[in-house]
Protein backbone atom coordinates (compact mmCIF):
# COMPACT_ATOMS: atom_id res chain seq x y z
CA MET A 1 88.56 143.51 197.14
CA GLN A 2 91.33 142.04 197.42
CA THR A 3 92.81 139.01 194.79
CA THR A 4 95.40 136.46 195.97
CA VAL A 5 97.63 134.47 193.85
CA LYS A 6 98.18 130.89 194.19
CA PRO A 7 101.51 129.73 194.00
CA GLU A 8 102.71 127.45 192.05
CA SER A 9 101.53 123.50 193.09
CA PRO A 10 105.15 121.34 193.21
CA ASN A 11 103.14 118.60 191.99
CA ARG A 12 102.69 120.43 188.19
CA ILE A 13 103.82 118.72 184.99
CA HIS A 14 106.50 120.49 183.15
CA ARG A 15 107.16 120.11 179.18
CA ARG A 16 110.71 119.38 179.96
CA ASP A 17 109.56 116.17 182.80
CA LEU A 18 107.44 115.19 179.89
CA ILE A 19 110.64 114.85 177.64
CA ARG A 20 112.77 113.47 180.10
CA SER A 21 110.28 110.68 180.91
CA LEU A 22 109.65 109.99 177.28
CA LEU A 23 113.60 109.89 176.45
CA ILE A 24 114.39 107.26 179.45
CA GLY A 25 111.09 105.39 178.23
CA MET A 26 112.63 104.83 174.57
CA ALA A 27 116.11 104.13 176.29
CA ILE A 28 114.73 101.73 178.10
CA GLY A 29 112.50 99.95 175.65
CA ILE A 30 115.71 99.77 173.37
CA VAL A 31 117.86 98.48 176.24
CA ILE A 32 114.85 95.76 176.89
CA GLY A 33 112.82 95.26 173.27
CA THR A 34 116.59 94.18 171.38
CA PRO A 35 117.81 91.47 173.24
CA ILE A 36 113.92 90.18 173.26
CA GLY A 37 113.39 90.96 169.58
CA TRP A 38 116.50 89.20 168.44
CA LEU A 39 115.75 86.34 170.38
CA THR A 40 112.34 85.80 168.85
CA HIS A 41 113.61 86.27 165.30
CA ARG A 42 116.23 83.41 166.56
CA VAL A 43 113.04 81.01 167.49
CA PHE A 44 111.30 81.82 164.55
CA ALA A 45 114.38 81.53 161.61
CA ARG A 46 115.06 78.14 163.83
CA GLN A 47 111.54 76.74 163.46
CA ARG A 48 111.47 77.80 160.12
CA ALA A 49 114.49 76.03 158.95
CA ALA A 50 113.45 73.30 160.67
CA GLN A 51 110.30 72.93 158.75
CA VAL A 52 112.00 73.64 155.30
CA LEU A 53 114.20 70.63 156.45
CA LEU A 54 111.66 68.18 157.29
CA CYS A 55 109.35 69.07 154.04
CA ARG A 56 112.54 68.46 152.19
CA GLN A 57 113.50 64.97 153.62
CA GLN A 58 109.86 64.01 153.42
CA ASN A 59 109.98 64.75 149.74
CA PHE A 60 113.34 62.99 149.16
CA GLY A 61 113.94 62.52 145.68
CA LEU A 62 111.89 65.21 143.62
CA SER A 63 113.92 67.98 141.88
CA GLU A 64 115.35 70.97 143.64
CA THR A 65 113.16 73.31 141.48
CA GLN A 66 110.14 71.09 142.49
CA LEU A 67 111.53 71.12 146.17
CA GLN A 68 111.60 74.87 146.36
CA ALA A 69 108.02 75.04 144.73
CA ARG A 70 106.62 72.70 147.47
CA CYS A 71 108.90 73.43 150.80
CA GLY A 72 110.20 77.15 149.94
CA ASP A 73 113.50 78.49 150.32
CA LEU A 74 115.60 77.48 153.51
CA TYR A 75 116.37 81.62 153.96
């Protein structure tokens, strides 16, 4: 009886390919994710600042302690 050895398939995934793919994915995620996160943070920070300023304006005449308790801090 004769046994044959199958040649290695060219479509086989190797560990180095997985590591390379992981590193590329992380790099792309950092490059794209950082500006998106920064812009999102700016939008929410401006929205929070606007809410605090509007609350302070609506409650004009209260002491600073009462304003901070009711409206929160700007930062």
